[in-house]
Amino acid sequence: MRSGIHPVSRPVVFRDRAADTAFLTTSTAHSARTIEWADGNTYPLIDVEISSASHPFYTGNTRVVDTAGRVERFERRYGRTS
């Protein structure tokens, strides 16, 4: 690999705002905000809206979508075709 062209990877804390959890991992992302972690060190903090802690696929929580109501509304609006 050529030197000087790759971003520097360092420890970063990602905080999931929906689930109120935080993950310490390595990343090349930059942030001006910092947080003190449980080990006493200060790391850059990046807030995310969704992660594996809050995403329905990973948590097993599913949302019920009213597809029957949507179909009936469509049929009423545009009529049923045979």
C-alpha atoms as a PDB file:
ATOM      1  CA  MET A   1       0.000   0.000   0.000  1.00  0.00           C
ATOM      2  CA  ARG A   2       1.163   3.504  -0.720  1.00  0.00           C
ATOM      3  CA  SER A   3       1.862   5.565   2.341  1.00  0.00           C
ATOM      4  CA  GLY A   4       0.029   8.811   3.045  1.00  0.00           C
ATOM      5  CA  ILE A   5      -3.112   8.126   0.995  1.00  0.00           C
ATOM      6  CA  HIS A   6      -5.146   6.026   3.421  1.00  0.00           C
ATOM      7  CA  PRO A   7      -7.244   7.540   6.240  1.00  0.00           C
ATOM      8  CA  VAL A   8      -6.159   6.887   9.803  1.00  0.00           C
ATOM      9  CA  SER A   9      -8.278   4.351  11.681  1.00  0.00           C
ATOM     10  CA  ARG A  10      -8.763   5.048  15.388  1.00  0.00           C
ATOM     11  CA  PRO A  11     -11.174   4.154  18.221  1.00  0.00           C
ATOM     12  CA  VAL A  12     -14.525   5.989  17.967  1.00  0.00           C
ATOM     13  CA  VAL A  13     -17.715   5.737  20.026  1.00  0.00           C
ATOM     14  CA  PHE A  14     -20.971   5.428  18.065  1.00  0.00           C
ATOM     15  CA  ARG A  15     -24.054   6.244  20.159  1.00  0.00           C
ATOM     16  CA  ASP A  16     -27.451   4.998  18.992  1.00  0.00           C
ATOM     17  CA  ARG A  17     -29.940   7.708  19.918  1.00  0.00           C
ATOM     18  CA  ALA A  18     -32.986   5.452  19.475  1.00  0.00           C
ATOM     19  CA  ALA A  19     -31.798   2.645  21.770  1.00  0.00           C
ATOM     20  CA  ASP A  20     -29.610   4.812  24.028  1.00  0.00           C
ATOM     21  CA  THR A  21     -26.624   2.465  23.660  1.00  0.00           C
ATOM     22  CA  ALA A  22     -23.029   3.142  22.694  1.00  0.00           C
ATOM     23  CA  PHE A  23     -20.420   1.069  20.842  1.00  0.00           C
ATOM     24  CA  LEU A  24     -16.660   1.517  20.919  1.00  0.00           C
ATOM     25  CA  THR A  25     -15.160   0.480  17.604  1.00  0.00           C
ATOM     26  CA  THR A  26     -12.534   1.611  15.134  1.00  0.00           C
ATOM     27  CA  SER A  27     -13.432   4.016  12.360  1.00  0.00           C
ATOM     28  CA  THR A  28     -12.021   6.678  10.080  1.00  0.00           C
ATOM     29  CA  ALA A  29     -14.951   9.026  10.755  1.00  0.00           C
ATOM     30  CA  HIS A  30     -14.219  12.439  12.272  1.00  0.00           C
ATOM     31  CA  SER A  31     -16.135  14.232  15.008  1.00  0.00           C
ATOM     32  CA  ALA A  32     -15.593  17.344  17.089  1.00  0.00           C
ATOM     33  CA  ARG A  33     -17.637  15.901  19.981  1.00  0.00           C
ATOM     34  CA  THR A  34     -15.993  13.620  22.540  1.00  0.00           C
ATOM     35  CA  ILE A  35     -17.132  11.293  25.308  1.00  0.00           C
ATOM     36  CA  GLU A  36     -15.377   9.683  28.244  1.00  0.00           C
ATOM     37  CA  TRP A  37     -15.654   5.912  27.980  1.00  0.00           C
ATOM     38  CA  ALA A  38     -15.791   3.385  30.845  1.00  0.00           C
ATOM     39  CA  ASP A  39     -12.033   2.776  30.599  1.00  0.00           C
ATOM     40  CA  GLY A  40     -11.359   6.434  31.480  1.00  0.00           C
ATOM     41  CA  ASN A  41     -10.167   7.440  28.002  1.00  0.00           C
ATOM     42  CA  THR A  42     -11.784  10.142  25.884  1.00  0.00           C
ATOM     43  CA  TYR A  43     -12.921   9.154  22.387  1.00  0.00           C
ATOM     44  CA  PRO A  44     -14.625  10.979  19.498  1.00  0.00           C
ATOM     45  CA  LEU A  45     -18.425  10.616  19.616  1.00  0.00           C
ATOM     46  CA  ILE A  46     -20.685  10.098  16.616  1.00  0.00           C
ATOM     47  CA  ASP A  47     -24.468   9.993  17.107  1.00  0.00           C
ATOM     48  CA  VAL A  48     -26.403   7.678  14.791  1.00  0.00           C
ATOM     49  CA  GLU A  49     -30.155   7.348  14.358  1.00  0.00           C
ATOM     50  CA  ILE A  50     -30.244   3.565  14.016  1.00  0.00           C
ATOM     51  CA  SER A  51     -27.870   0.674  14.654  1.00  0.00           C
ATOM     52  CA  SER A  52     -28.048  -3.044  15.342  1.00  0.00           C
ATOM     53  CA  ALA A  53     -29.362  -2.212  18.832  1.00  0.00           C
ATOM     54  CA  SER A  54     -32.509  -0.546  17.478  1.00  0.00           C
ATOM     55  CA  HIS A  55     -33.032  -1.911  13.953  1.00  0.00           C
ATOM     56  CA  PRO A  56     -36.072  -4.249  13.729  1.00  0.00           C
ATOM     57  CA  PHE A  57     -34.134  -6.876  11.758  1.00  0.00           C
ATOM     58  CA  TYR A  58     -31.590  -7.351  14.547  1.00  0.00           C
ATOM     59  CA  THR A  59     -33.897  -6.882  17.533  1.00  0.00           C
ATOM     60  CA  GLY A  60     -36.697  -9.138  16.283  1.00  0.00           C
ATOM     61  CA  ASN A  61     -39.304  -6.421  16.773  1.00  0.00           C
ATOM     62  CA  THR A  62     -41.455  -6.072  13.713  1.00  0.00           C
ATOM     63  CA  ARG A  63     -43.854  -3.333  12.806  1.00  0.00           C
ATOM     64  CA  VAL A  64     -47.287  -4.298  11.557  1.00  0.00           C
ATOM     65  CA  VAL A  65     -48.051  -2.641   8.259  1.00  0.00           C
ATOM     66  CA  ASP A  66     -51.702  -2.298   7.369  1.00  0.00           C
ATOM     67  CA  THR A  67     -51.417  -3.724   3.854  1.00  0.00           C
ATOM     68  CA  ALA A  68     -55.038  -4.898   3.764  1.00  0.00           C
ATOM     69  CA  GLY A  69     -56.235  -1.375   4.454  1.00  0.00           C
ATOM     70  CA  ARG A  70     -53.994  -0.025   1.742  1.00  0.00           C
ATOM     71  CA  VAL A  71     -55.288  -2.523  -0.804  1.00  0.00           C
ATOM     72  CA  GLU A  72     -58.913  -1.770   0.066  1.00  0.00           C
ATOM     73  CA  ARG A  73     -58.287   1.956  -0.187  1.00  0.00           C
ATOM     74  CA  PHE A  74     -56.658   1.475  -3.595  1.00  0.00           C
ATOM     75  CA  GLU A  75     -59.576  -0.642  -4.826  1.00  0.00           C
ATOM     76  CA  ARG A  76     -62.101   1.952  -3.619  1.00  0.00           C
ATOM     77  CA  ARG A  77     -60.208   4.766  -5.258  1.00  0.00           C
ATOM     78  CA  TYR A  78     -59.478   3.150  -8.608  1.00  0.00           C
ATOM     79  CA  GLY A  79     -62.011   0.329  -8.729  1.00  0.00           C
ATOM     80  CA  ARG A  80     -61.350  -3.353  -8.977  1.00  0.00           C
ATOM     81  CA  THR A  81     -60.185  -4.675 -12.339  1.00  0.00           C
ATOM     82  CA  SER A  82     -60.950  -8.219 -13.456  1.00  0.00           C
END
